[in-house]
């Protein structure tokens, strides 16, 4: 088996057996394809085998990444991908030992995570003004993001049937298509309830049938990018740190839960 064939099988294994997301599989494909292209050029070979996947080759690859000016985080990710690929080749009986196992990645700079205070969050949640459909929708979106600690990809993937507003529970499909239950506080449930009549009206005007909980003005499902722009808009209106990202809001949720006495394992779950 060539390494290119091994890579194809490895990516299939990630998607089907490990239930990895499309984004994760794409990341592994890009990282390892670059490593194999480097190996072909270094060894002057068009067909690579497991015997070519050596410690010496991978050291040269990491050194080349440094020379090209790649960020430490990128180099660490490339090495992690090579390590996972090596483990797969070993499990398939194509190698006796993983050559990437002994290699150490770059020391990553430790950055203190940025998060919003409770007062900051309240200012953000109050930023959507007006009494029109977009204001009600945007308030519901921000309340849901914060209250349930969601990723934006999880938020835009929510369907109407996923939300039980009576019980304050929402079914979330996260990474690797895994489902979990998240809690919606009274403020979030109230905001979503106020948005639902607007949602129905948008669908009636557009003539579309959509299961999405949150819609754009055309009646379609929102995108991750559109929610990102929405957040940027309200950060400016609230006068908050422009570095704040959707992930910052998720981190703030976890920080506030811990500050309120929640068990760290429970927050992780």
C-alpha atoms as a PDB file:
ATOM      1  CA  UNK A   1       0.000   0.000   0.000  1.00  0.00           C
ATOM      2  CA  UNK A   2       1.292   3.474  -0.871  1.00  0.00           C
ATOM      3  CA  UNK A   3       1.105   6.329   1.622  1.00  0.00           C
ATOM      4  CA  UNK A   4      -1.416   8.090  -0.609  1.00  0.00           C
ATOM      5  CA  UNK A   5      -3.662   5.036  -0.412  1.00  0.00           C
ATOM      6  CA  UNK A   6      -3.064   4.901   3.325  1.00  0.00           C
ATOM      7  CA  UNK A   7      -4.073   8.552   3.632  1.00  0.00           C
ATOM      8  CA  UNK A   8      -7.314   7.930   1.748  1.00  0.00           C
ATOM      9  CA  UNK A   9      -8.188   5.014   4.038  1.00  0.00           C
ATOM     10  CA  UNK A  10      -7.181   7.019   7.129  1.00  0.00           C
ATOM     11  CA  UNK A  11      -9.492   9.903   6.196  1.00  0.00           C
ATOM     12  CA  UNK A  12     -12.336   7.462   5.542  1.00  0.00           C
ATOM     13  CA  UNK A  13     -11.647   5.899   8.949  1.00  0.00           C
ATOM     14  CA  UNK A  14     -11.871   9.335  10.613  1.00  0.00           C
ATOM     15  CA  UNK A  15     -15.176  10.169   8.974  1.00  0.00           C
ATOM     16  CA  UNK A  16     -16.966   6.834   9.265  1.00  0.00           C
ATOM     17  CA  UNK A  17     -15.545   5.102  12.320  1.00  0.00           C
ATOM     18  CA  UNK A  18     -14.384   8.046  14.424  1.00  0.00           C
ATOM     19  CA  UNK A  19     -17.389  10.158  13.400  1.00  0.00           C
ATOM     20  CA  UNK A  20     -15.148  13.195  12.840  1.00  0.00           C
ATOM     21  CA  UNK A  21     -16.718  16.324  11.362  1.00  0.00           C
ATOM     22  CA  UNK A  22     -16.148  17.321   7.730  1.00  0.00           C
ATOM     23  CA  UNK A  23     -14.062  20.258   8.936  1.00  0.00           C
ATOM     24  CA  UNK A  24     -11.786  17.947  10.958  1.00  0.00           C
ATOM     25  CA  UNK A  25     -11.325  15.525   8.056  1.00  0.00           C
ATOM     26  CA  UNK A  26     -10.535  18.437   5.730  1.00  0.00           C
ATOM     27  CA  UNK A  27      -7.924  19.735   8.182  1.00  0.00           C
ATOM     28  CA  UNK A  28      -6.215  16.324   8.375  1.00  0.00           C
ATOM     29  CA  UNK A  29      -6.284  16.029   4.580  1.00  0.00           C
ATOM     30  CA  UNK A  30      -4.588  19.408   4.111  1.00  0.00           C
ATOM     31  CA  UNK A  31      -1.959  18.806   6.804  1.00  0.00           C
ATOM     32  CA  UNK A  32      -0.988  15.332   5.638  1.00  0.00           C
ATOM     33  CA  UNK A  33      -1.157  16.123   1.928  1.00  0.00           C
ATOM     34  CA  UNK A  34       1.414  18.852   2.505  1.00  0.00           C
ATOM     35  CA  UNK A  35       3.634  16.409   4.417  1.00  0.00           C
ATOM     36  CA  UNK A  36       3.413  13.817   1.617  1.00  0.00           C
ATOM     37  CA  UNK A  37       4.159  16.443  -1.041  1.00  0.00           C
ATOM     38  CA  UNK A  38       7.240  17.476   0.945  1.00  0.00           C
ATOM     39  CA  UNK A  39       8.321  13.818   1.224  1.00  0.00           C
ATOM     40  CA  UNK A  40       7.955  13.221  -2.522  1.00  0.00           C
ATOM     41  CA  UNK A  41      10.137  16.229  -3.278  1.00  0.00           C
ATOM     42  CA  UNK A  42      12.753  15.377  -0.642  1.00  0.00           C
ATOM     43  CA  UNK A  43      13.028  11.728  -1.660  1.00  0.00           C
ATOM     44  CA  UNK A  44      12.498  12.372  -5.374  1.00  0.00           C
ATOM     45  CA  UNK A  45       9.819   9.663  -5.478  1.00  0.00           C
ATOM     46  CA  UNK A  46       6.319   9.690  -6.907  1.00  0.00           C
ATOM     47  CA  UNK A  47       5.122   6.670  -4.926  1.00  0.00           C
ATOM     48  CA  UNK A  48       5.756   6.662  -1.176  1.00  0.00           C
ATOM     49  CA  UNK A  49       5.537   3.626   1.079  1.00  0.00           C
ATOM     50  CA  UNK A  50       5.396   3.230   4.850  1.00  0.00           C
ATOM     51  CA  UNK A  51       9.185   2.754   4.879  1.00  0.00           C
ATOM     52  CA  UNK A  52       9.545   6.364   3.714  1.00  0.00           C
ATOM     53  CA  UNK A  53       7.589   7.714   6.688  1.00  0.00           C
ATOM     54  CA  UNK A  54      10.608   8.059   9.000  1.00  0.00           C
ATOM     55  CA  UNK A  55      11.718  10.180  11.953  1.00  0.00           C
ATOM     56  CA  UNK A  56      14.344  11.800   9.749  1.00  0.00           C
ATOM     57  CA  UNK A  57      11.775  12.767   7.111  1.00  0.00           C
ATOM     58  CA  UNK A  58       9.364  14.218   9.666  1.00  0.00           C
ATOM     59  CA  UNK A  59      12.139  16.182  11.384  1.00  0.00           C
ATOM     60  CA  UNK A  60      13.045  17.680   8.002  1.00  0.00           C
ATOM     61  CA  UNK A  61       9.392  18.513   7.388  1.00  0.00           C
ATOM     62  CA  UNK A  62       9.041  20.299  10.741  1.00  0.00           C
ATOM     63  CA  UNK A  63      12.288  22.205  10.135  1.00  0.00           C
ATOM     64  CA  UNK A  64      11.014  23.249   6.688  1.00  0.00           C
ATOM     65  CA  UNK A  65       7.767  24.526   8.213  1.00  0.00           C
ATOM     66  CA  UNK A  66       9.815  26.699  10.592  1.00  0.00           C
ATOM     67  CA  UNK A  67      11.902  28.021   7.694  1.00  0.00           C
ATOM     68  CA  UNK A  68       8.732  28.899   5.774  1.00  0.00           C
ATOM     69  CA  UNK A  69       7.530  31.001   8.678  1.00  0.00           C
ATOM     70  CA  UNK A  70       4.522  28.918   9.679  1.00  0.00           C
ATOM     71  CA  UNK A  71       2.921  29.776  13.024  1.00  0.00           C
ATOM     72  CA  UNK A  72       3.725  27.559  15.991  1.00  0.00           C
ATOM     73  CA  UNK A  73       0.090  26.519  16.263  1.00  0.00           C
ATOM     74  CA  UNK A  74       0.095  25.389  12.628  1.00  0.00           C
ATOM     75  CA  UNK A  75       3.325  23.407  13.068  1.00  0.00           C
ATOM     76  CA  UNK A  76       1.937  21.748  16.197  1.00  0.00           C
ATOM     77  CA  UNK A  77      -1.222  20.798  14.266  1.00  0.00           C
ATOM     78  CA  UNK A  78       0.787  19.356  11.358  1.00  0.00           C
ATOM     79  CA  UNK A  79       2.828  17.243  13.788  1.00  0.00           C
ATOM     80  CA  UNK A  80      -0.317  16.045  15.588  1.00  0.00           C
ATOM     81  CA  UNK A  81      -1.783  14.970  12.232  1.00  0.00           C
ATOM     82  CA  UNK A  82       1.426  13.101  11.359  1.00  0.00           C
ATOM     83  CA  UNK A  83       1.330  11.394  14.751  1.00  0.00           C
ATOM     84  CA  UNK A  84      -2.278  10.268  14.268  1.00  0.00           C
ATOM     85  CA  UNK A  85      -1.507   9.020  10.760  1.00  0.00           C
ATOM     86  CA  UNK A  86       1.477   7.061  12.076  1.00  0.00           C
ATOM     87  CA  UNK A  87      -0.695   5.441  14.742  1.00  0.00           C
ATOM     88  CA  UNK A  88      -3.163   4.372  12.062  1.00  0.00           C
ATOM     89  CA  UNK A  89      -0.402   2.874   9.898  1.00  0.00           C
ATOM     90  CA  UNK A  90       0.861   0.925  12.913  1.00  0.00           C
ATOM     91  CA  UNK A  91      -2.618  -0.434  13.658  1.00  0.00           C
ATOM     92  CA  UNK A  92      -2.874  -1.563  10.041  1.00  0.00           C
ATOM     93  CA  UNK A  93       0.364  -3.512  10.458  1.00  0.00           C
ATOM     94  CA  UNK A  94       2.236  -1.372   7.920  1.00  0.00           C
ATOM     95  CA  UNK A  95       4.730  -0.048  10.480  1.00  0.00           C
ATOM     96  CA  UNK A  96       6.215  -1.453  13.657  1.00  0.00           C
ATOM     97  CA  UNK A  97       6.628   1.911  15.379  1.00  0.00           C
ATOM     98  CA  UNK A  98       5.205   5.391  14.924  1.00  0.00           C
ATOM     99  CA  UNK A  99       8.072   7.680  13.829  1.00  0.00           C
ATOM    100  CA  UNK A 100       6.238  10.829  14.932  1.00  0.00           C
ATOM    101  CA  UNK A 101       5.785   9.571  18.487  1.00  0.00           C
ATOM    102  CA  UNK A 102       9.179  10.776  19.701  1.00  0.00           C
ATOM    103  CA  UNK A 103       9.005  14.187  18.007  1.00  0.00           C
ATOM    104  CA  UNK A 104       8.151  17.196  20.115  1.00  0.00           C
ATOM    105  CA  UNK A 105       6.148  20.095  18.815  1.00  0.00           C
ATOM    106  CA  UNK A 106       6.913  23.775  19.379  1.00  0.00           C
ATOM    107  CA  UNK A 107       6.257  25.335  22.757  1.00  0.00           C
ATOM    108  CA  UNK A 108       3.080  27.331  22.291  1.00  0.00           C
ATOM    109  CA  UNK A 109       2.769  30.792  23.761  1.00  0.00           C
ATOM    110  CA  UNK A 110       0.312  30.808  26.627  1.00  0.00           C
ATOM    111  CA  UNK A 111      -2.343  33.461  26.233  1.00  0.00           C
ATOM    112  CA  UNK A 112      -4.803  34.362  28.900  1.00  0.00           C
ATOM    113  CA  UNK A 113      -8.268  33.677  27.490  1.00  0.00           C
ATOM    114  CA  UNK A 114     -10.346  36.783  26.952  1.00  0.00           C
ATOM    115  CA  UNK A 115     -13.846  36.746  28.407  1.00  0.00           C
ATOM    116  CA  UNK A 116     -16.678  39.129  29.196  1.00  0.00           C
ATOM    117  CA  UNK A 117     -17.767  40.093  32.698  1.00  0.00           C
ATOM    118  CA  UNK A 118     -21.387  39.610  33.714  1.00  0.00           C
ATOM    119  CA  UNK A 119     -21.967  43.342  33.219  1.00  0.00           C
ATOM    120  CA  UNK A 120     -20.391  43.143  29.746  1.00  0.00           C
ATOM    121  CA  UNK A 121     -22.656  40.239  28.800  1.00  0.00           C
ATOM    122  CA  UNK A 122     -25.715  42.132  30.003  1.00  0.00           C
ATOM    123  CA  UNK A 123     -24.745  45.138  27.883  1.00  0.00           C
ATOM    124  CA  UNK A 124     -24.323  42.870  24.855  1.00  0.00           C
ATOM    125  CA  UNK A 125     -27.649  41.107  25.401  1.00  0.00           C
ATOM    126  CA  UNK A 126     -29.388  44.480  25.703  1.00  0.00           C
ATOM    127  CA  UNK A 127     -27.743  45.871  22.542  1.00  0.00           C
ATOM    128  CA  UNK A 128     -30.357  44.696  19.983  1.00  0.00           C
ATOM    129  CA  UNK A 129     -32.824  47.586  20.039  1.00  0.00           C
ATOM    130  CA  UNK A 130     -36.020  48.336  18.217  1.00  0.00           C
ATOM    131  CA  UNK A 131     -39.234  46.421  18.191  1.00  0.00           C
ATOM    132  CA  UNK A 132     -38.973  44.792  14.773  1.00  0.00           C
ATOM    133  CA  UNK A 133     -38.451  41.171  13.753  1.00  0.00           C
ATOM    134  CA  UNK A 134     -34.668  41.463  13.364  1.00  0.00           C
ATOM    135  CA  UNK A 135     -34.232  42.932  16.840  1.00  0.00           C
ATOM    136  CA  UNK A 136     -36.307  40.168  18.392  1.00  0.00           C
ATOM    137  CA  UNK A 137     -34.433  37.521  16.405  1.00  0.00           C
ATOM    138  CA  UNK A 138     -31.030  38.938  17.329  1.00  0.00           C
ATOM    139  CA  UNK A 139     -31.896  39.139  21.024  1.00  0.00           C
ATOM    140  CA  UNK A 140     -32.998  35.501  20.888  1.00  0.00           C
ATOM    141  CA  UNK A 141     -29.762  34.512  19.142  1.00  0.00           C
ATOM    142  CA  UNK A 142     -27.491  36.263  21.656  1.00  0.00           C
ATOM    143  CA  UNK A 143     -29.478  34.966  24.634  1.00  0.00           C
ATOM    144  CA  UNK A 144     -29.357  31.410  23.271  1.00  0.00           C
ATOM    145  CA  UNK A 145     -25.619  31.549  22.476  1.00  0.00           C
ATOM    146  CA  UNK A 146     -24.799  32.689  25.993  1.00  0.00           C
ATOM    147  CA  UNK A 147     -27.420  30.792  27.991  1.00  0.00           C
ATOM    148  CA  UNK A 148     -26.653  27.412  26.417  1.00  0.00           C
ATOM    149  CA  UNK A 149     -22.917  28.001  25.849  1.00  0.00           C
ATOM    150  CA  UNK A 150     -23.217  27.100  22.171  1.00  0.00           C
ATOM    151  CA  UNK A 151     -20.780  27.231  19.310  1.00  0.00           C
ATOM    152  CA  UNK A 152     -22.118  29.303  16.420  1.00  0.00           C
ATOM    153  CA  UNK A 153     -22.143  26.210  14.175  1.00  0.00           C
ATOM    154  CA  UNK A 154     -24.369  24.533  16.767  1.00  0.00           C
ATOM    155  CA  UNK A 155     -26.680  27.536  16.954  1.00  0.00           C
ATOM    156  CA  UNK A 156     -27.253  27.801  13.198  1.00  0.00           C
ATOM    157  CA  UNK A 157     -27.857  24.039  13.091  1.00  0.00           C
ATOM    158  CA  UNK A 158     -30.726  24.217  15.593  1.00  0.00           C
ATOM    159  CA  UNK A 159     -34.168  23.231  14.362  1.00  0.00           C
ATOM    160  CA  UNK A 160     -37.457  24.386  15.832  1.00  0.00           C
ATOM    161  CA  UNK A 161     -38.113  20.857  17.104  1.00  0.00           C
ATOM    162  CA  UNK A 162     -34.825  20.893  19.050  1.00  0.00           C
ATOM    163  CA  UNK A 163     -36.057  23.542  21.498  1.00  0.00           C
ATOM    164  CA  UNK A 164     -38.344  22.660  24.412  1.00  0.00           C
ATOM    165  CA  UNK A 165     -39.090  26.123  25.768  1.00  0.00           C
ATOM    166  CA  UNK A 166     -41.429  24.811  28.469  1.00  0.00           C
ATOM    167  CA  UNK A 167     -38.650  22.755  30.040  1.00  0.00           C
ATOM    168  CA  UNK A 168     -35.843  25.160  29.038  1.00  0.00           C
ATOM    169  CA  UNK A 169     -33.898  22.481  27.150  1.00  0.00           C
ATOM    170  CA  UNK A 170     -32.411  22.418  23.668  1.00  0.00           C
ATOM    171  CA  UNK A 171     -30.977  19.437  21.779  1.00  0.00           C
ATOM    172  CA  UNK A 172     -27.569  20.395  20.345  1.00  0.00           C
ATOM    173  CA  UNK A 173     -25.617  18.576  17.650  1.00  0.00           C
ATOM    174  CA  UNK A 174     -21.963  19.275  18.313  1.00  0.00           C
ATOM    175  CA  UNK A 175     -18.625  18.095  16.966  1.00  0.00           C
ATOM    176  CA  UNK A 176     -18.636  14.657  15.407  1.00  0.00           C
ATOM    177  CA  UNK A 177     -22.446  14.830  15.149  1.00  0.00           C
ATOM    178  CA  UNK A 178     -22.740  14.027  18.854  1.00  0.00           C
ATOM    179  CA  UNK A 179     -25.943  15.161  20.523  1.00  0.00           C
ATOM    180  CA  UNK A 180     -26.210  16.734  23.952  1.00  0.00           C
ATOM    181  CA  UNK A 181     -28.809  18.589  25.990  1.00  0.00           C
ATOM    182  CA  UNK A 182     -28.174  22.231  26.872  1.00  0.00           C
ATOM    183  CA  UNK A 183     -30.130  24.427  29.254  1.00  0.00           C
ATOM    184  CA  UNK A 184     -31.919  27.610  28.272  1.00  0.00           C
ATOM    185  CA  UNK A 185     -32.544  30.104  31.054  1.00  0.00           C
ATOM    186  CA  UNK A 186     -35.860  31.967  31.456  1.00  0.00           C
ATOM    187  CA  UNK A 187     -34.517  35.057  29.638  1.00  0.00           C
ATOM    188  CA  UNK A 188     -33.419  32.962  26.644  1.00  0.00           C
ATOM    189  CA  UNK A 189     -36.713  31.053  26.512  1.00  0.00           C
ATOM    190  CA  UNK A 190     -38.647  34.308  26.668  1.00  0.00           C
ATOM    191  CA  UNK A 191     -36.541  35.849  23.877  1.00  0.00           C
ATOM    192  CA  UNK A 192     -37.028  32.810  21.636  1.00  0.00           C
ATOM    193  CA  UNK A 193     -40.775  32.797  22.315  1.00  0.00           C
ATOM    194  CA  UNK A 194     -40.992  36.441  21.270  1.00  0.00           C
ATOM    195  CA  UNK A 195     -39.145  35.626  18.029  1.00  0.00           C
ATOM    196  CA  UNK A 196     -41.300  32.650  16.986  1.00  0.00           C
ATOM    197  CA  UNK A 197     -44.265  34.650  15.562  1.00  0.00           C
ATOM    198  CA  UNK A 198     -41.776  36.597  13.402  1.00  0.00           C
ATOM    199  CA  UNK A 199     -40.255  33.323  12.244  1.00  0.00           C
ATOM    200  CA  UNK A 200     -43.666  32.051  11.135  1.00  0.00           C
ATOM    201  CA  UNK A 201     -44.394  35.318   9.319  1.00  0.00           C
ATOM    202  CA  UNK A 202     -41.058  35.198   7.460  1.00  0.00           C
ATOM    203  CA  UNK A 203     -41.782  31.672   6.268  1.00  0.00           C
ATOM    204  CA  UNK A 204     -45.258  32.635   5.106  1.00  0.00           C
ATOM    205  CA  UNK A 205     -43.894  35.623   3.150  1.00  0.00           C
ATOM    206  CA  UNK A 206     -41.066  33.634   1.570  1.00  0.00           C
ATOM    207  CA  UNK A 207     -43.184  30.599   0.752  1.00  0.00           C
ATOM    208  CA  UNK A 208     -40.375  28.403   2.067  1.00  0.00           C
ATOM    209  CA  UNK A 209     -40.511  25.474   4.441  1.00  0.00           C
ATOM    210  CA  UNK A 210     -37.593  25.469   6.859  1.00  0.00           C
ATOM    211  CA  UNK A 211     -36.912  23.521  10.037  1.00  0.00           C
ATOM    212  CA  UNK A 212     -34.292  26.061  11.195  1.00  0.00           C
ATOM    213  CA  UNK A 213     -34.966  27.820  14.478  1.00  0.00           C
ATOM    214  CA  UNK A 214     -33.244  31.029  13.351  1.00  0.00           C
ATOM    215  CA  UNK A 215     -33.860  32.433   9.870  1.00  0.00           C
ATOM    216  CA  UNK A 216     -32.501  35.189   7.648  1.00  0.00           C
ATOM    217  CA  UNK A 217     -34.769  37.789   6.029  1.00  0.00           C
ATOM    218  CA  UNK A 218     -35.365  35.480   3.058  1.00  0.00           C
ATOM    219  CA  UNK A 219     -36.630  32.670   5.277  1.00  0.00           C
ATOM    220  CA  UNK A 220     -33.486  30.544   4.956  1.00  0.00           C
ATOM    221  CA  UNK A 221     -31.163  29.150   7.614  1.00  0.00           C
ATOM    222  CA  UNK A 222     -28.549  31.552   8.961  1.00  0.00           C
ATOM    223  CA  UNK A 223     -24.845  30.916   8.297  1.00  0.00           C
ATOM    224  CA  UNK A 224     -21.945  30.954  10.750  1.00  0.00           C
ATOM    225  CA  UNK A 225     -20.563  34.047   9.025  1.00  0.00           C
ATOM    226  CA  UNK A 226     -23.845  35.969   9.250  1.00  0.00           C
ATOM    227  CA  UNK A 227     -24.026  35.328  13.008  1.00  0.00           C
ATOM    228  CA  UNK A 228     -20.403  36.473  13.291  1.00  0.00           C
ATOM    229  CA  UNK A 229     -21.305  39.761  11.581  1.00  0.00           C
ATOM    230  CA  UNK A 230     -24.328  40.085  13.849  1.00  0.00           C
ATOM    231  CA  UNK A 231     -22.110  39.742  16.929  1.00  0.00           C
ATOM    232  CA  UNK A 232     -19.614  42.307  15.582  1.00  0.00           C
ATOM    233  CA  UNK A 233     -22.457  44.777  15.091  1.00  0.00           C
ATOM    234  CA  UNK A 234     -23.740  44.509  18.655  1.00  0.00           C
ATOM    235  CA  UNK A 235     -20.265  44.585  20.177  1.00  0.00           C
ATOM    236  CA  UNK A 236     -19.780  47.984  18.531  1.00  0.00           C
ATOM    237  CA  UNK A 237     -23.171  49.184  19.748  1.00  0.00           C
ATOM    238  CA  UNK A 238     -22.410  48.011  23.306  1.00  0.00           C
ATOM    239  CA  UNK A 239     -18.912  49.535  23.245  1.00  0.00           C
ATOM    240  CA  UNK A 240     -17.251  46.217  24.065  1.00  0.00           C
ATOM    241  CA  UNK A 241     -13.852  44.763  23.171  1.00  0.00           C
ATOM    242  CA  UNK A 242     -13.747  44.131  19.391  1.00  0.00           C
ATOM    243  CA  UNK A 243     -11.592  41.018  20.009  1.00  0.00           C
ATOM    244  CA  UNK A 244     -14.701  39.341  21.366  1.00  0.00           C
ATOM    245  CA  UNK A 245     -15.640  36.353  19.223  1.00  0.00           C
ATOM    246  CA  UNK A 246     -18.471  33.835  19.420  1.00  0.00           C
ATOM    247  CA  UNK A 247     -15.997  31.534  21.161  1.00  0.00           C
ATOM    248  CA  UNK A 248     -15.357  34.296  23.721  1.00  0.00           C
ATOM    249  CA  UNK A 249     -19.051  34.262  24.552  1.00  0.00           C
ATOM    250  CA  UNK A 250     -18.871  30.484  25.018  1.00  0.00           C
ATOM    251  CA  UNK A 251     -15.809  30.860  27.264  1.00  0.00           C
ATOM    252  CA  UNK A 252     -17.583  33.588  29.248  1.00  0.00           C
ATOM    253  CA  UNK A 253     -20.541  31.235  29.789  1.00  0.00           C
ATOM    254  CA  UNK A 254     -18.220  28.564  31.219  1.00  0.00           C
ATOM    255  CA  UNK A 255     -16.350  31.085  33.401  1.00  0.00           C
ATOM    256  CA  UNK A 256     -19.566  32.487  34.863  1.00  0.00           C
ATOM    257  CA  UNK A 257     -20.889  28.986  35.538  1.00  0.00           C
ATOM    258  CA  UNK A 258     -17.711  28.119  37.466  1.00  0.00           C
ATOM    259  CA  UNK A 259     -17.784  31.439  39.338  1.00  0.00           C
ATOM    260  CA  UNK A 260     -21.343  30.622  40.405  1.00  0.00           C
ATOM    261  CA  UNK A 261     -20.169  27.348  41.932  1.00  0.00           C
ATOM    262  CA  UNK A 262     -20.851  24.858  39.135  1.00  0.00           C
ATOM    263  CA  UNK A 263     -18.806  21.663  39.043  1.00  0.00           C
ATOM    264  CA  UNK A 264     -16.055  21.888  36.412  1.00  0.00           C
ATOM    265  CA  UNK A 265     -16.846  18.398  35.082  1.00  0.00           C
ATOM    266  CA  UNK A 266     -20.477  19.352  34.674  1.00  0.00           C
ATOM    267  CA  UNK A 267     -19.517  22.484  32.723  1.00  0.00           C
ATOM    268  CA  UNK A 268     -17.250  20.422  30.462  1.00  0.00           C
ATOM    269  CA  UNK A 269     -20.039  17.978  29.746  1.00  0.00           C
END
